[in-house]
C-alpha atoms as a PDB file:
ATOM      1  CA  MET A   1     -22.123 -11.304 -18.950  1.00  0.00           C
ATOM      2  CA  GLN A   2     -19.339  -8.872 -18.135  1.00  0.00           C
ATOM      3  CA  LYS A   3     -16.185  -9.427 -20.176  1.00  0.00           C
ATOM      4  CA  LEU A   4     -13.223  -9.928 -17.861  1.00  0.00           C
ATOM      5  CA  THR A   5     -10.254  -7.661 -18.455  1.00  0.00           C
ATOM      6  CA  PRO A   6      -6.720  -9.119 -18.213  1.00  0.00           C
ATOM      7  CA  GLY A   7      -5.619  -9.413 -14.623  1.00  0.00           C
ATOM      8  CA  GLN A   8      -4.099 -11.426 -11.796  1.00  0.00           C
ATOM      9  CA  ILE A   9      -5.541 -12.125  -8.356  1.00  0.00           C
ATOM     10  CA  TYR A  10      -3.197 -12.334  -5.368  1.00  0.00           C
ATOM     11  CA  LEU A  11      -5.065 -14.390  -2.772  1.00  0.00           C
ATOM     12  CA  ALA A  12      -4.415 -13.541   0.858  1.00  0.00           C
ATOM     13  CA  ASP A  13      -3.889 -17.170   1.889  1.00  0.00           C
ATOM     14  CA  GLN A  14      -1.234 -17.653  -0.804  1.00  0.00           C
ATOM     15  CA  ARG A  15       1.029 -14.813   0.301  1.00  0.00           C
ATOM     16  CA  GLY A  16       4.557 -15.410   1.515  1.00  0.00           C
ATOM     17  CA  VAL A  17       4.562 -15.477   5.326  1.00  0.00           C
ATOM     18  CA  THR A  18       7.453 -14.773   7.689  1.00  0.00           C
ATOM     19  CA  GLN A  19       6.940 -15.267  11.424  1.00  0.00           C
ATOM     20  CA  THR A  20       9.507 -14.359  14.070  1.00  0.00           C
ATOM     21  CA  GLY A  21       9.353 -13.200  17.645  1.00  0.00           C
ATOM     22  CA  LYS A  22       9.250  -9.639  16.334  1.00  0.00           C
ATOM     23  CA  LEU A  23       6.651  -9.769  13.593  1.00  0.00           C
ATOM     24  CA  THR A  24       4.348 -11.603  11.238  1.00  0.00           C
ATOM     25  CA  ARG A  25       4.871 -10.439   7.648  1.00  0.00           C
ATOM     26  CA  CYS A  26       2.579 -11.400   4.754  1.00  0.00           C
ATOM     27  CA  CYS A  27       4.051 -10.524   1.347  1.00  0.00           C
ATOM     28  CA  THR A  28       1.848 -10.051  -1.708  1.00  0.00           C
ATOM     29  CA  PHE A  29       4.973  -9.856  -3.908  1.00  0.00           C
ATOM     30  CA  ASN A  30       8.417 -11.436  -3.675  1.00  0.00           C
ATOM     31  CA  TYR A  31      10.330  -9.978  -0.750  1.00  0.00           C
ATOM     32  CA  GLY A  32      13.398 -11.053   1.197  1.00  0.00           C
ATOM     33  CA  ASP A  33      13.649 -14.845   1.185  1.00  0.00           C
ATOM     34  CA  TYR A  34      10.164 -15.239  -0.333  1.00  0.00           C
ATOM     35  CA  ALA A  35      10.411 -15.968  -4.061  1.00  0.00           C
ATOM     36  CA  ASP A  36       7.581 -17.196  -6.289  1.00  0.00           C
ATOM     37  CA  PRO A  37       7.597 -16.927 -10.108  1.00  0.00           C
ATOM     38  CA  HIS A  38       3.962 -15.772  -9.998  1.00  0.00           C
ATOM     39  CA  ARG A  39       4.586 -12.988  -7.463  1.00  0.00           C
ATOM     40  CA  LYS A  40       6.855 -10.676  -9.418  1.00  0.00           C
ATOM     41  CA  PRO A  41       6.480  -6.856  -9.181  1.00  0.00           C
ATOM     42  CA  PHE A  42       3.544  -5.253 -10.957  1.00  0.00           C
ATOM     43  CA  GLY A  43       4.663  -2.184 -12.861  1.00  0.00           C
ATOM     44  CA  SER A  44       6.580   0.057 -10.459  1.00  0.00           C
ATOM     45  CA  LEU A  45       4.978  -1.641  -7.422  1.00  0.00           C
ATOM     46  CA  LEU A  46       7.735  -3.796  -5.938  1.00  0.00           C
ATOM     47  CA  THR A  47       6.496  -4.556  -2.426  1.00  0.00           C
ATOM     48  CA  LEU A  48       3.186  -4.776  -0.585  1.00  0.00           C
ATOM     49  CA  ASN A  49       3.734  -6.200   2.887  1.00  0.00           C
ATOM     50  CA  ASP A  50       1.052  -6.670   5.524  1.00  0.00           C
ATOM     51  CA  GLU A  51       3.096  -6.158   8.708  1.00  0.00           C
ATOM     52  CA  LEU A  52       2.056  -7.172  12.236  1.00  0.00           C
ATOM     53  CA  TYR A  53       4.562  -6.100  14.912  1.00  0.00           C
ATOM     54  CA  ALA A  54       4.683  -7.567  18.404  1.00  0.00           C
ATOM     55  CA  PRO A  55       4.709  -5.049  21.306  1.00  0.00           C
ATOM     56  CA  GLY A  56       7.852  -2.940  21.555  1.00  0.00           C
ATOM     57  CA  GLN A  57       9.526  -4.412  18.469  1.00  0.00           C
ATOM     58  CA  ARG A  58      11.548  -2.546  15.840  1.00  0.00           C
ATOM     59  CA  VAL A  59      12.647  -3.636  12.351  1.00  0.00           C
ATOM     60  CA  SER A  60      15.024  -2.061   9.809  1.00  0.00           C
ATOM     61  CA  TYR A  61      14.363  -1.785   6.066  1.00  0.00           C
ATOM     62  CA  ILE A  62      17.243  -1.320   3.634  1.00  0.00           C
ATOM     63  CA  ALA A  63      16.719   0.194   0.178  1.00  0.00           C
ATOM     64  CA  THR A  64      18.568  -2.151  -2.183  1.00  0.00           C
ATOM     65  CA  HIS A  65      17.977   0.426  -4.935  1.00  0.00           C
ATOM     66  CA  ALA A  66      16.293   3.815  -5.225  1.00  0.00           C
ATOM     67  CA  LEU A  67      12.644   3.561  -4.219  1.00  0.00           C
ATOM     68  CA  TRP A  68       9.588   5.294  -2.826  1.00  0.00           C
ATOM     69  CA  SER A  69       8.385   3.789   0.452  1.00  0.00           C
ATOM     70  CA  VAL A  70       4.805   4.130   1.705  1.00  0.00           C
ATOM     71  CA  ILE A  71       3.486   3.384   5.207  1.00  0.00           C
ATOM     72  CA  ILE A  72      -0.265   3.014   5.845  1.00  0.00           C
ATOM     73  CA  PRO A  73      -1.178   2.197   9.484  1.00  0.00           C
ATOM     74  CA  ILE A  74      -4.248  -0.001   9.990  1.00  0.00           C
ATOM     75  CA  THR A  75      -4.207  -0.363  13.784  1.00  0.00           C
ATOM     76  CA  GLY A  76      -1.909   1.623  16.063  1.00  0.00           C
ATOM     77  CA  GLU A  77       0.869   4.139  15.469  1.00  0.00           C
ATOM     78  CA  VAL A  78       4.136   3.416  13.658  1.00  0.00           C
ATOM     79  CA  ASP A  79       7.258   5.205  14.910  1.00  0.00           C
ATOM     80  CA  TRP A  80      10.127   5.690  12.456  1.00  0.00           C
ATOM     81  CA  LYS A  81      13.770   6.709  12.441  1.00  0.00           C
ATOM     82  CA  ASP A  82      16.042   7.214   9.431  1.00  0.00           C
ATOM     83  CA  ASP A  83      19.808   6.849   9.188  1.00  0.00           C
ATOM     84  CA  LEU A  84      20.271  10.620   9.552  1.00  0.00           C
ATOM     85  CA  GLY A  85      18.626  10.565  12.976  1.00  0.00           C
ATOM     86  CA  HIS A  86      15.267  12.054  11.963  1.00  0.00           C
ATOM     87  CA  THR A  87      12.286  10.567  13.823  1.00  0.00           C
ATOM     88  CA  GLY A  88       8.507  10.728  13.640  1.00  0.00           C
ATOM     89  CA  THR A  89       5.188   8.899  13.905  1.00  0.00           C
ATOM     90  CA  VAL A  90       2.564   7.760  11.394  1.00  0.00           C
ATOM     91  CA  ASP A  91      -0.939   7.231  12.799  1.00  0.00           C
ATOM     92  CA  VAL A  92      -4.159   5.666  11.535  1.00  0.00           C
ATOM     93  CA  GLY A  93      -5.725   8.055   9.020  1.00  0.00           C
ATOM     94  CA  GLN A  94      -2.308   9.063   7.698  1.00  0.00           C
ATOM     95  CA  VAL A  95      -0.079   7.907   4.835  1.00  0.00           C
ATOM     96  CA  GLN A  96       3.665   8.523   4.789  1.00  0.00           C
ATOM     97  CA  VAL A  97       5.568   8.754   1.481  1.00  0.00           C
ATOM     98  CA  ARG A  98       9.353   8.884   1.414  1.00  0.00           C
ATOM     99  CA  TYR A  99      12.140   8.706  -1.183  1.00  0.00           C
ATOM    100  CA  LEU A 100      14.994   6.359  -0.263  1.00  0.00           C
ATOM    101  CA  PRO A 101      18.238   6.315  -2.259  1.00  0.00           C
ATOM    102  CA  ALA A 102      19.974   2.964  -2.672  1.00  0.00           C
ATOM    103  CA  GLY A 103      21.639   1.847   0.561  1.00  0.00           C
ATOM    104  CA  ASN A 104      19.593   3.996   2.922  1.00  0.00           C
ATOM    105  CA  ILE A 105      17.910   2.507   5.964  1.00  0.00           C
ATOM    106  CA  ILE A 106      14.731   3.285   7.882  1.00  0.00           C
ATOM    107  CA  GLU A 107      13.788   1.715  11.197  1.00  0.00           C
ATOM    108  CA  LEU A 108      10.134   1.159  12.105  1.00  0.00           C
ATOM    109  CA  ASN A 109       9.011   0.617  15.674  1.00  0.00           C
ATOM    110  CA  ASN A 110       5.939  -0.445  17.632  1.00  0.00           C
ATOM    111  CA  PRO A 111       5.771   2.147  20.448  1.00  0.00           C
ATOM    112  CA  TYR A 112       3.308   0.139  22.565  1.00  0.00           C
ATOM    113  CA  ASN A 113       4.435  -2.180  25.356  1.00  0.00           C
ATOM    114  CA  ASP A 114       1.290  -4.316  25.406  1.00  0.00           C
ATOM    115  CA  GLU A 115      -0.349  -4.025  21.963  1.00  0.00           C
ATOM    116  CA  GLN A 116       0.396  -5.190  18.446  1.00  0.00           C
ATOM    117  CA  ILE A 117       0.336  -2.824  15.486  1.00  0.00           C
ATOM    118  CA  ASN A 118      -0.680  -3.608  11.900  1.00  0.00           C
ATOM    119  CA  PHE A 119       0.294  -1.562   8.857  1.00  0.00           C
ATOM    120  CA  LEU A 120       0.926  -1.834   5.131  1.00  0.00           C
ATOM    121  CA  TYR A 121       4.445  -1.244   3.850  1.00  0.00           C
ATOM    122  CA  LEU A 122       4.775  -0.544   0.116  1.00  0.00           C
ATOM    123  CA  GLU A 123       7.768   0.080  -2.120  1.00  0.00           C
ATOM    124  CA  PHE A 124       7.742   1.537  -5.634  1.00  0.00           C
ATOM    125  CA  ARG A 125      10.635   1.643  -8.062  1.00  0.00           C
ATOM    126  CA  ALA A 126      12.138   5.140  -8.289  1.00  0.00           C
ATOM    127  CA  ASP A 127      14.484   6.866 -10.680  1.00  0.00           C
ATOM    128  CA  PRO A 128      17.579   8.024  -8.774  1.00  0.00           C
ATOM    129  CA  LEU A 129      17.034  11.675  -7.856  1.00  0.00           C
ATOM    130  CA  GLY A 130      20.599  12.475  -6.833  1.00  0.00           C
ATOM    131  CA  LEU A 131      19.357  13.338  -3.354  1.00  0.00           C
ATOM    132  CA  SER A 132      20.103  12.120   0.142  1.00  0.00           C
ATOM    133  CA  THR A 133      17.235  10.785   2.261  1.00  0.00           C
ATOM    134  CA  LEU A 134      14.328  13.214   2.114  1.00  0.00           C
ATOM    135  CA  LEU A 135      12.172  13.974   5.098  1.00  0.00           C
ATOM    136  CA  PRO A 136       8.941  12.104   4.376  1.00  0.00           C
ATOM    137  CA  LYS A 137       5.691  13.742   3.382  1.00  0.00           C
ATOM    138  CA  LEU A 138       2.721  12.949   5.625  1.00  0.00           C
ATOM    139  CA  TYR A 139      -0.770  12.913   4.113  1.00  0.00           C
ATOM    140  CA  GLU A 140      -4.026  12.686   6.046  1.00  0.00           C
ATOM    141  CA  PHE A 141      -7.450  11.337   5.110  1.00  0.00           C
ATOM    142  CA  GLU A 142     -10.775  11.007   6.909  1.00  0.00           C
ATOM    143  CA  PHE A 143     -13.589   8.556   6.150  1.00  0.00           C
ATOM    144  CA  GLU A 144     -16.215  10.495   8.107  1.00  0.00           C
ATOM    145  CA  GLY A 145     -18.273  12.549   5.689  1.00  0.00           C
ATOM    146  CA  ARG A 146     -16.611  10.818   2.718  1.00  0.00           C
ATOM    147  CA  GLN A 147     -18.132   7.358   3.015  1.00  0.00           C
ATOM    148  CA  ASN A 148     -18.638   5.461  -0.258  1.00  0.00           C
ATOM    149  CA  GLN A 149     -16.184   7.535  -2.277  1.00  0.00           C
ATOM    150  CA  LEU A 150     -12.590   7.020  -3.336  1.00  0.00           C
ATOM    151  CA  ILE A 151     -10.356   9.501  -1.513  1.00  0.00           C
ATOM    152  CA  ASP A 152      -7.359  10.796  -3.468  1.00  0.00           C
ATOM    153  CA  VAL A 153      -4.900  10.727  -0.573  1.00  0.00           C
ATOM    154  CA  LEU A 154      -1.950  12.347  -2.367  1.00  0.00           C
ATOM    155  CA  GLN A 155      -3.823  15.282  -3.859  1.00  0.00           C
ATOM    156  CA  GLY A 156      -2.928  18.865  -3.052  1.00  0.00           C
ATOM    157  CA  GLU A 157       0.286  20.852  -3.117  1.00  0.00           C
ATOM    158  CA  GLN A 158       3.313  18.619  -3.578  1.00  0.00           C
ATOM    159  CA  PRO A 159       6.950  19.290  -2.736  1.00  0.00           C
ATOM    160  CA  GLU A 160       9.028  19.449  -5.917  1.00  0.00           C
ATOM    161  CA  SER A 161      10.708  16.146  -5.039  1.00  0.00           C
ATOM    162  CA  LEU A 162       7.349  14.316  -4.869  1.00  0.00           C
ATOM    163  CA  LYS A 163       6.065  15.517  -8.233  1.00  0.00           C
ATOM    164  CA  GLN A 164       7.866  12.544  -9.783  1.00  0.00           C
ATOM    165  CA  LEU A 165       5.817   9.936  -7.918  1.00  0.00           C
ATOM    166  CA  PRO A 166       5.100   7.005 -10.275  1.00  0.00           C
ATOM    167  CA  PHE A 167       1.738   6.224  -8.658  1.00  0.00           C
ATOM    168  CA  LYS A 168      -1.568   7.611  -7.408  1.00  0.00           C
ATOM    169  CA  LEU A 169      -3.144   6.319  -4.206  1.00  0.00           C
ATOM    170  CA  HIS A 170      -6.826   6.214  -3.279  1.00  0.00           C
ATOM    171  CA  ILE A 171      -8.530   4.674  -0.274  1.00  0.00           C
ATOM    172  CA  ALA A 172     -12.221   4.241   0.533  1.00  0.00           C
ATOM    173  CA  ARG A 173     -14.652   2.787   3.049  1.00  0.00           C
ATOM    174  CA  PHE A 174     -17.969   1.546   1.669  1.00  0.00           C
ATOM    175  CA  ASP A 175     -21.326   0.472   3.007  1.00  0.00           C
ATOM    176  CA  GLY A 176     -22.619  -2.853   1.731  1.00  0.00           C
ATOM    177  CA  ARG A 177     -23.811  -2.832  -1.913  1.00  0.00           C
ATOM    178  CA  GLU A 178     -22.353   0.612  -2.590  1.00  0.00           C
ATOM    179  CA  GLU A 179     -20.482   0.948  -5.887  1.00  0.00           C
ATOM    180  CA  ALA A 180     -17.740   3.070  -7.421  1.00  0.00           C
ATOM    181  CA  LEU A 181     -16.104   3.435 -10.820  1.00  0.00           C
ATOM    182  CA  TYR A 182     -12.410   4.219 -11.178  1.00  0.00           C
ATOM    183  CA  PRO A 183     -11.300   5.662 -14.557  1.00  0.00           C
ATOM    184  CA  VAL A 184      -7.957   4.310 -15.772  1.00  0.00           C
ATOM    185  CA  PRO A 185      -6.025   6.442 -18.297  1.00  0.00           C
ATOM    186  CA  ASP A 186      -4.647   4.924 -21.490  1.00  0.00           C
ATOM    187  CA  GLY A 187      -1.621   2.818 -20.712  1.00  0.00           C
ATOM    188  CA  GLY A 188      -2.378   2.820 -17.000  1.00  0.00           C
ATOM    189  CA  LEU A 189      -2.027  -0.061 -14.560  1.00  0.00           C
ATOM    190  CA  PHE A 190      -4.558  -0.666 -11.777  1.00  0.00           C
ATOM    191  CA  PHE A 191      -3.981  -2.473  -8.494  1.00  0.00           C
ATOM    192  CA  ALA A 192      -6.455  -2.920  -5.632  1.00  0.00           C
ATOM    193  CA  PHE A 193      -5.943  -4.378  -2.159  1.00  0.00           C
ATOM    194  CA  VAL A 194      -8.849  -5.194   0.161  1.00  0.00           C
ATOM    195  CA  ILE A 195      -7.981  -4.013   3.661  1.00  0.00           C
ATOM    196  CA  ALA A 196     -11.285  -5.053   5.235  1.00  0.00           C
ATOM    197  CA  GLY A 197     -14.496  -6.762   4.116  1.00  0.00           C
ATOM    198  CA  ALA A 198     -15.276  -8.124   0.664  1.00  0.00           C
ATOM    199  CA  PHE A 199     -15.722  -6.666  -2.821  1.00  0.00           C
ATOM    200  CA  GLU A 200     -16.653  -7.619  -6.334  1.00  0.00           C
ATOM    201  CA  LEU A 201     -14.105  -5.837  -8.500  1.00  0.00           C
ATOM    202  CA  GLN A 202     -14.262  -5.976 -12.277  1.00  0.00           C
ATOM    203  CA  GLY A 203     -16.096  -9.311 -12.103  1.00  0.00           C
ATOM    204  CA  ARG A 204     -13.767 -10.853  -9.494  1.00  0.00           C
ATOM    205  CA  LEU A 205     -14.748 -11.762  -5.935  1.00  0.00           C
ATOM    206  CA  MET A 206     -12.201 -10.425  -3.455  1.00  0.00           C
ATOM    207  CA  HIS A 207     -11.918 -11.017   0.271  1.00  0.00           C
ATOM    208  CA  GLN A 208      -9.945  -9.325   3.031  1.00  0.00           C
ATOM    209  CA  ARG A 209      -6.234  -8.847   2.171  1.00  0.00           C
ATOM    210  CA  ASP A 210      -6.663 -10.137  -1.408  1.00  0.00           C
ATOM    211  CA  GLY A 211      -4.993  -8.108  -4.165  1.00  0.00           C
ATOM    212  CA  LEU A 212      -5.917  -7.644  -7.831  1.00  0.00           C
ATOM    213  CA  ALA A 213      -3.758  -6.370 -10.700  1.00  0.00           C
ATOM    214  CA  LEU A 214      -5.503  -5.198 -13.896  1.00  0.00           C
ATOM    215  CA  TRP A 215      -4.242  -3.820 -17.195  1.00  0.00           C
ATOM    216  CA  ASP A 216      -5.597  -2.967 -20.659  1.00  0.00           C
ATOM    217  CA  LEU A 217      -8.745  -1.356 -19.264  1.00  0.00           C
ATOM    218  CA  HIS A 218     -10.310   2.109 -19.264  1.00  0.00           C
ATOM    219  CA  GLU A 219     -12.237   1.844 -16.004  1.00  0.00           C
ATOM    220  CA  ALA A 220     -12.584  -0.481 -13.025  1.00  0.00           C
ATOM    221  CA  ASP A 221     -15.903  -0.997 -11.273  1.00  0.00           C
ATOM    222  CA  MET A 222     -16.171  -2.146  -7.684  1.00  0.00           C
ATOM    223  CA  GLU A 223     -19.026  -3.058  -5.362  1.00  0.00           C
ATOM    224  CA  ALA A 224     -18.728  -3.587  -1.619  1.00  0.00           C
ATOM    225  CA  LEU A 225     -20.265  -6.865  -0.445  1.00  0.00           C
ATOM    226  CA  SER A 226     -20.065  -6.066   3.271  1.00  0.00           C
ATOM    227  CA  ASN A 227     -20.477  -3.069   5.526  1.00  0.00           C
ATOM    228  CA  SER A 228     -17.426  -0.962   6.423  1.00  0.00           C
ATOM    229  CA  ALA A 229     -15.461  -2.543   3.578  1.00  0.00           C
ATOM    230  CA  VAL A 230     -12.129  -0.761   3.022  1.00  0.00           C
ATOM    231  CA  ILE A 231     -10.096  -0.842  -0.186  1.00  0.00           C
ATOM    232  CA  LEU A 232      -6.763   0.592  -1.312  1.00  0.00           C
ATOM    233  CA  VAL A 233      -6.459   1.514  -5.010  1.00  0.00           C
ATOM    234  CA  LEU A 234      -3.186   2.247  -6.817  1.00  0.00           C
ATOM    235  CA  GLU A 235      -2.791   3.637 -10.321  1.00  0.00           C
ATOM    236  CA  MET A 236       0.554   3.409 -12.109  1.00  0.00           C
ATOM    237  CA  ARG A 237       2.060   3.912 -15.519  1.00  0.00           C
ATOM    238  CA  LYS A 238       3.318   0.990 -17.580  1.00  0.00           C
END
């Protein structure tokens, strides 16, 4: 029998939910008015929101302290605007990473008049860099030709400002019964979030939109239990 490593499961149906005319927001960790003693940040990962915007809606996000924000579209494009007037779009198959000093604001928008959009919004604790809002870095990934392997989305040449990122980010799409092993360095923290399908991860059964935090381990093994199963993997330092 496999020995379970220390960890915590964040079940999808136990997330904090906010529903308004603009959006449906499911929070894996405490966020806004949602507060649960068992949903505190994990390492530098402060926020993991599953956001569903109604057509044409826009929402502002305020950095209460210095942080790195990450946007991962699941269905549809996400338009953005910062408080310096810069604008842009993040599409499916892209990941946007941005540094936000305390007090800065970004506005996210659903550009469609008749369709919802769904995306993940993450925040990581950042050391103040003494910089104003930076233009975000846009990374691209492609599942075609890279099925059944963890894609290191943030690899490659990094701007100097992004070399201080406190996390690594991988994403993968698996066929049923395909497996992968993720090596975790000494002192590392591991977090996985199932975007689609089902997985067995380090002896735990995980369904769509479940999260799993693990620590005190050297590697994490995962097996997809359904076809086209998609998983997000984050590695952080303690």
